[in-house]
Each structure stands twice: as C-alpha cells, then as structure tokens.
C-alpha cells in the first residue's frame, strides 16, 4: 500500500523492482511539505521514508527542506 506522503520517485523505484524486495514504505507523522501536506508559505521539514522487509526496517530515502 502506498501512502500519499511518499515521493513519486520512491514509488517508481519500488514498482520497477529497482530496490530491495520491500514489504512497504512509510513516513512517520505528517511532515510539513510532504505531498499532501504543503503549507501556504512553502515551509518544509526534513523526513525519512522507511522501508519494511522480512529483515526489518531501514531508511529508504531522506528528504531535507529546500
């Protein structure tokens, strides 16, 4: 299941099979500036996309404000 807070590139990589076999991706909370969480003044906060697999979890991607 893909959540709205994940970036399009992350989805493309997973769907194309270019990454490890994943059980899923998640973003904790509702980070300001993530897709669907835009602010009127353009502010953004850093956030990590976490990958879940049979072996546990790891950081799949990091996004910084900018």
C-alpha atoms as a PDB file:
ATOM      1  CA  UNK A   1       0.000   0.000   0.000  1.00  0.00           C
ATOM      2  CA  UNK A   2       1.401   3.404  -0.929  1.00  0.00           C
ATOM      3  CA  UNK A   3       0.657   6.418   1.221  1.00  0.00           C
ATOM      4  CA  UNK A   4       0.262   9.955  -0.098  1.00  0.00           C
ATOM      5  CA  UNK A   5       3.303  11.159   1.822  1.00  0.00           C
ATOM      6  CA  UNK A   6       5.725   9.112  -0.273  1.00  0.00           C
ATOM      7  CA  UNK A   7       7.516  10.745  -3.149  1.00  0.00           C
ATOM      8  CA  UNK A   8       6.742   9.731  -6.748  1.00  0.00           C
ATOM      9  CA  UNK A   9      10.339   8.663  -7.340  1.00  0.00           C
ATOM     10  CA  UNK A  10      10.147   6.251  -4.397  1.00  0.00           C
ATOM     11  CA  UNK A  11       7.032   4.678  -5.866  1.00  0.00           C
ATOM     12  CA  UNK A  12       8.640   4.334  -9.302  1.00  0.00           C
ATOM     13  CA  UNK A  13      11.712   2.639  -7.847  1.00  0.00           C
ATOM     14  CA  UNK A  14       9.659   0.173  -5.843  1.00  0.00           C
ATOM     15  CA  UNK A  15       7.256  -0.598  -8.664  1.00  0.00           C
ATOM     16  CA  UNK A  16      10.111  -1.049 -11.145  1.00  0.00           C
ATOM     17  CA  UNK A  17      11.816  -3.534  -8.842  1.00  0.00           C
ATOM     18  CA  UNK A  18      14.978  -1.418  -8.753  1.00  0.00           C
ATOM     19  CA  UNK A  19      15.213  -1.674  -4.957  1.00  0.00           C
ATOM     20  CA  UNK A  20      15.271  -4.485  -2.441  1.00  0.00           C
ATOM     21  CA  UNK A  21      12.142  -6.560  -2.140  1.00  0.00           C
ATOM     22  CA  UNK A  22      10.050  -4.471   0.198  1.00  0.00           C
ATOM     23  CA  UNK A  23       7.048  -5.169   2.318  1.00  0.00           C
ATOM     24  CA  UNK A  24       6.164  -1.494   2.271  1.00  0.00           C
ATOM     25  CA  UNK A  25       7.190   2.121   2.693  1.00  0.00           C
ATOM     26  CA  UNK A  26       6.071   4.563   5.380  1.00  0.00           C
ATOM     27  CA  UNK A  27       6.616   8.134   6.528  1.00  0.00           C
ATOM     28  CA  UNK A  28       6.081   8.851  10.210  1.00  0.00           C
ATOM     29  CA  UNK A  29       3.628  11.596  11.060  1.00  0.00           C
ATOM     30  CA  UNK A  30       2.604  14.244   8.580  1.00  0.00           C
ATOM     31  CA  UNK A  31       5.807  16.130   7.720  1.00  0.00           C
ATOM     32  CA  UNK A  32       5.261  19.701   6.599  1.00  0.00           C
ATOM     33  CA  UNK A  33       5.962  19.988   2.880  1.00  0.00           C
ATOM     34  CA  UNK A  34       5.444  16.318   2.014  1.00  0.00           C
ATOM     35  CA  UNK A  35       2.975  15.668  -0.833  1.00  0.00           C
ATOM     36  CA  UNK A  36      -0.479  16.449   0.527  1.00  0.00           C
ATOM     37  CA  UNK A  37       0.988  18.394   3.453  1.00  0.00           C
ATOM     38  CA  UNK A  38       2.098  21.553   1.660  1.00  0.00           C
ATOM     39  CA  UNK A  39       1.948  24.838   3.567  1.00  0.00           C
ATOM     40  CA  UNK A  40       0.803  28.170   2.104  1.00  0.00           C
ATOM     41  CA  UNK A  41       4.160  29.785   2.864  1.00  0.00           C
ATOM     42  CA  UNK A  42       6.174  26.903   1.353  1.00  0.00           C
ATOM     43  CA  UNK A  43       7.797  25.770   4.612  1.00  0.00           C
ATOM     44  CA  UNK A  44       9.117  22.197   4.712  1.00  0.00           C
ATOM     45  CA  UNK A  45      10.540  19.859   7.333  1.00  0.00           C
ATOM     46  CA  UNK A  46      13.028  17.038   6.848  1.00  0.00           C
ATOM     47  CA  UNK A  47      11.664  13.489   6.850  1.00  0.00           C
ATOM     48  CA  UNK A  48      12.737   9.905   6.221  1.00  0.00           C
ATOM     49  CA  UNK A  49      10.958   7.276   4.149  1.00  0.00           C
ATOM     50  CA  UNK A  50      11.229   3.949   5.990  1.00  0.00           C
ATOM     51  CA  UNK A  51      11.349   0.627   4.094  1.00  0.00           C
ATOM     52  CA  UNK A  52       9.965  -2.518   5.673  1.00  0.00           C
ATOM     53  CA  UNK A  53      11.040  -6.019   4.651  1.00  0.00           C
ATOM     54  CA  UNK A  54      11.319  -9.501   6.112  1.00  0.00           C
ATOM     55  CA  UNK A  55      14.690  -8.448   7.573  1.00  0.00           C
ATOM     56  CA  UNK A  56      13.325  -5.455   9.487  1.00  0.00           C
ATOM     57  CA  UNK A  57      13.297  -1.799   8.578  1.00  0.00           C
ATOM     58  CA  UNK A  58      15.747   0.736   7.206  1.00  0.00           C
ATOM     59  CA  UNK A  59      15.841   4.278   5.841  1.00  0.00           C
ATOM     60  CA  UNK A  60      14.898   4.092   2.158  1.00  0.00           C
ATOM     61  CA  UNK A  61      15.236   7.826   1.414  1.00  0.00           C
ATOM     62  CA  UNK A  62      15.846  11.103   3.256  1.00  0.00           C
ATOM     63  CA  UNK A  63      14.327  14.420   2.261  1.00  0.00           C
ATOM     64  CA  UNK A  64      15.643  17.723   3.535  1.00  0.00           C
ATOM     65  CA  UNK A  65      13.922  21.101   3.337  1.00  0.00           C
ATOM     66  CA  UNK A  66      14.788  23.028   0.257  1.00  0.00           C
END
